[in-house]
Protein backbone atom coordinates (compact mmCIF):
# COMPACT_ATOMS: atom_id res chain seq x y z
CA MET A 1 -15.33 25.20 -12.06
CA MET A 2 -12.54 24.04 -9.77
CA ASN A 3 -9.88 25.58 -12.06
CA GLN A 4 -11.88 28.56 -13.29
CA SER A 5 -9.92 31.14 -11.33
CA LEU A 6 -6.57 29.54 -12.18
CA LEU A 7 -6.72 30.08 -15.93
CA MET A 8 -6.96 33.46 -17.68
CA GLN A 9 -9.09 33.88 -20.79
CA ASP A 10 -7.43 32.44 -23.92
CA GLU A 11 -4.70 30.84 -21.80
CA ASN A 12 -3.65 27.27 -22.64
CA TYR A 13 -4.81 24.41 -20.41
CA ARG A 14 -1.18 23.35 -20.14
CA ASN A 15 -0.64 26.38 -17.90
CA LEU A 16 -2.92 25.02 -15.18
CA PRO A 17 -1.19 23.87 -12.01
CA THR A 18 -1.79 20.33 -10.82
CA THR A 19 -5.03 20.23 -8.85
CA TYR A 20 -6.41 17.54 -6.57
CA LEU A 21 -9.96 16.36 -6.04
CA ILE A 22 -10.19 14.35 -2.83
CA LEU A 23 -13.27 12.26 -2.14
CA ILE A 24 -13.62 10.77 1.34
CA LEU A 25 -15.95 7.80 1.10
CA PRO A 26 -17.43 5.64 3.88
CA THR A 27 -17.28 2.51 1.72
CA ASP A 28 -14.87 1.04 -0.83
CA PRO A 29 -15.64 2.30 -4.37
CA LEU A 30 -13.56 -0.41 -6.06
CA GLY A 31 -13.90 -3.34 -3.66
CA LEU A 32 -10.16 -3.86 -3.24
CA ASP A 33 -10.08 -2.98 0.48
CA GLN A 34 -7.49 -0.21 -0.03
CA TYR A 35 -7.46 2.89 2.15
CA ARG A 36 -6.46 5.03 -0.78
CA TYR A 37 -6.85 5.02 -4.55
CA ASP A 38 -4.83 7.47 -6.64
CA THR A 39 -6.20 8.19 -10.10
CA THR A 40 -5.57 10.79 -12.78
CA TRP A 41 -7.61 12.63 -15.37
CA SER A 42 -8.29 10.73 -18.54
CA THR A 43 -9.94 11.69 -21.80
CA LYS A 44 -12.00 9.00 -23.50
CA GLY A 45 -10.06 7.47 -26.36
CA PHE A 46 -6.63 8.56 -25.08
CA LYS A 47 -4.12 6.58 -23.03
CA TYR A 48 -2.62 9.81 -21.69
CA ASP A 49 -3.77 13.33 -20.79
CA PRO A 50 -3.81 15.13 -24.17
CA LEU A 51 -4.76 18.46 -22.59
CA HIS A 52 -2.03 18.19 -19.93
CA ILE A 53 -4.54 19.27 -17.31
CA GLY A 54 -2.75 17.46 -14.50
CA GLN A 55 -5.79 16.84 -12.32
CA LYS A 56 -5.45 14.09 -9.75
CA PHE A 57 -8.33 12.25 -8.12
CA LEU A 58 -7.74 10.80 -4.69
CA LEU A 59 -10.35 8.41 -3.34
CA LEU A 60 -10.08 7.75 0.40
CA ASN A 61 -11.91 4.67 1.66
CA ALA A 62 -12.80 4.84 5.35
CA SER A 63 -13.59 1.11 5.45
CA GLY A 64 -10.26 -0.02 3.96
CA THR A 65 -7.65 -2.16 5.68
CA LYS A 66 -4.82 -2.27 3.10
CA GLY A 67 -2.13 0.29 2.42
CA LYS A 68 -0.38 2.92 4.48
CA ILE A 69 -2.11 5.96 5.93
CA THR A 70 -1.20 8.35 8.72
CA PRO A 71 -2.39 7.64 12.26
CA ARG A 72 -4.44 10.86 12.15
CA LEU A 73 -6.24 9.76 8.97
CA HIS A 74 -6.85 6.35 10.53
CA GLU A 75 -8.44 8.04 13.54
CA PHE A 76 -10.61 10.13 11.20
CA PHE A 77 -11.75 6.97 9.41
CA ASP A 78 -12.55 5.40 12.79
CA LEU A 79 -14.63 8.47 13.62
CA MET A 80 -16.50 8.09 10.32
CA GLY A 81 -17.23 4.49 11.31
CA GLY A 82 -18.58 5.48 14.72
CA LYS A 83 -15.47 4.52 16.70
CA ILE A 84 -14.50 7.41 18.91
CA ASN A 85 -11.09 7.65 20.59
CA THR A 86 -11.87 9.96 23.49
CA ASN A 87 -8.16 10.25 24.34
CA ASP A 88 -7.38 11.97 21.03
CA SER A 89 -6.93 15.75 21.31
CA PHE A 90 -8.74 16.41 18.02
CA ILE A 91 -11.73 14.32 19.13
CA GLN A 92 -11.76 16.15 22.46
CA LYS A 93 -11.89 19.49 20.62
CA LEU A 94 -14.73 18.25 18.42
CA GLN A 95 -16.69 17.03 21.43
CA LYS A 96 -16.14 20.34 23.24
CA LYS A 97 -17.31 22.31 20.20
CA ARG A 98 -20.34 20.04 19.81
CA THR A 99 -21.28 20.57 23.46
CA GLU A 100 -20.91 24.34 23.07
CA LEU A 101 -23.16 24.32 20.00
CA MET A 102 -25.76 22.19 21.74
CA LEU A 103 -25.83 24.66 24.67
CA LEU A 104 -26.30 27.59 22.27
CA GLU A 105 -29.26 25.87 20.61
CA ARG A 106 -31.17 25.63 23.91
């Protein structure tokens, strides 16, 4: 479904552009304490991508401690874990929007 609009009828799968599926997870799916796991499409029985689909799967682990991530992503992971940096401009915007929505609900 993700690539449905990217491929015309009878067009070869090799013509698909590389697409990314990003999963942001609160816990470590592989237990290796990495912030990020990069994986690619695989077809059972093949050591490579025989369809040349070029899909990439990116698993982001909010509870990780190993690897390099941007400060902004680190702050997002902290937010997922309940740690709120009230000095961050993005967090301030979120809090303001939340307050506005709460006032509208009354």
